[in-house]
């Protein structure tokens, strides 16, 4: 028997996709600290947002390579979620 996907699951996925696409645009603009946090999915959320948690300006702490890695991992997660939700 196929399970029914809750309507709000689709909303959360749409919001995640929007955040991911926004992060990609920020990455292209060189705003690496802003594309790393993707809310609380990352242990780097606080230092990517708050200078007192980062002991400095967050925008100067994160490099392109870190942002690329996070975007790649989040992209994989978004693709997995899309497949998972479309099967249910």
Protein backbone atom coordinates (compact mmCIF):
# COMPACT_ATOMS: atom_id res chain seq x y z
CA UNK A 1 0.00 0.00 0.00
CA UNK A 2 1.42 3.39 -1.00
CA UNK A 3 1.81 5.97 1.71
CA UNK A 4 0.31 9.39 1.31
CA UNK A 5 2.77 12.25 1.49
CA UNK A 6 1.72 14.93 3.93
CA UNK A 7 1.02 18.23 2.24
CA UNK A 8 3.43 20.05 4.53
CA UNK A 9 6.28 17.75 3.43
CA UNK A 10 5.96 19.28 -0.02
CA UNK A 11 6.04 22.76 1.50
CA UNK A 12 9.23 21.97 3.41
CA UNK A 13 10.84 20.53 0.29
CA UNK A 14 9.88 23.62 -1.74
CA UNK A 15 11.36 25.86 0.98
CA UNK A 16 14.56 23.78 1.05
CA UNK A 17 14.90 24.00 -2.71
CA UNK A 18 14.39 27.77 -2.55
CA UNK A 19 17.07 28.08 0.16
CA UNK A 20 19.44 25.90 -1.88
CA UNK A 21 18.92 27.96 -5.03
CA UNK A 22 19.42 31.17 -3.02
CA UNK A 23 22.65 29.77 -1.58
CA UNK A 24 23.89 29.03 -5.09
CA UNK A 25 23.31 32.67 -6.07
CA UNK A 26 25.09 33.90 -2.94
CA UNK A 27 28.01 31.59 -3.74
CA UNK A 28 28.29 33.04 -7.25
CA UNK A 29 28.41 36.49 -5.65
CA UNK A 30 31.24 35.47 -3.33
CA UNK A 31 29.10 35.56 -0.16
CA UNK A 32 30.46 32.26 1.15
CA UNK A 33 29.44 32.62 4.78
CA UNK A 34 25.82 33.17 3.72
CA UNK A 35 25.65 29.95 1.71
CA UNK A 36 27.21 27.76 4.39
CA UNK A 37 24.59 27.92 7.15
CA UNK A 38 21.35 26.82 5.35
CA UNK A 39 19.66 27.23 8.71
CA UNK A 40 20.45 24.75 11.45
CA UNK A 41 21.52 21.85 9.21
CA UNK A 42 25.10 22.86 9.75
CA UNK A 43 27.19 23.06 12.91
CA UNK A 44 28.62 26.22 11.35
CA UNK A 45 25.31 28.07 11.53
CA UNK A 46 26.23 30.28 14.49
CA UNK A 47 29.70 31.32 13.31
CA UNK A 48 28.37 31.92 9.79
CA UNK A 49 25.82 34.42 11.15
CA UNK A 50 27.07 35.93 14.39
CA UNK A 51 30.40 37.78 14.81
CA UNK A 52 30.62 36.96 18.52
CA UNK A 53 30.31 33.23 17.77
CA UNK A 54 32.86 33.50 14.96
CA UNK A 55 35.28 35.71 16.92
CA UNK A 56 35.33 37.97 13.88
CA UNK A 57 33.34 39.00 10.85
CA UNK A 58 31.64 35.87 9.45
CA UNK A 59 32.10 37.04 5.88
CA UNK A 60 35.87 36.83 6.25
CA UNK A 61 36.06 33.37 7.83
CA UNK A 62 34.73 31.02 5.19
CA UNK A 63 36.45 30.21 1.94
CA UNK A 64 35.14 29.23 -1.46
CA UNK A 65 36.13 25.58 -0.99
CA UNK A 66 34.07 25.26 2.22
CA UNK A 67 31.04 26.79 0.55
CA UNK A 68 31.41 24.51 -2.49
CA UNK A 69 31.50 21.45 -0.24
CA UNK A 70 28.38 22.50 1.67
CA UNK A 71 26.49 23.33 -1.52
CA UNK A 72 27.43 19.96 -3.00
CA UNK A 73 26.26 18.10 0.12
CA UNK A 74 23.01 20.06 0.31
CA UNK A 75 22.43 19.51 -3.41
CA UNK A 76 22.75 15.76 -2.88
CA UNK A 77 20.29 15.95 0.00
CA UNK A 78 17.77 17.97 -2.04
CA UNK A 79 18.00 15.49 -4.94
CA UNK A 80 17.50 12.57 -2.53
CA UNK A 81 14.47 14.26 -0.96
CA UNK A 82 12.93 14.96 -4.37
CA UNK A 83 13.29 11.31 -5.35
CA UNK A 84 11.97 10.10 -2.01
CA UNK A 85 8.91 12.35 -1.99
CA UNK A 86 8.07 11.68 -5.64
CA UNK A 87 8.00 7.90 -4.95
CA UNK A 88 5.55 8.19 -2.09
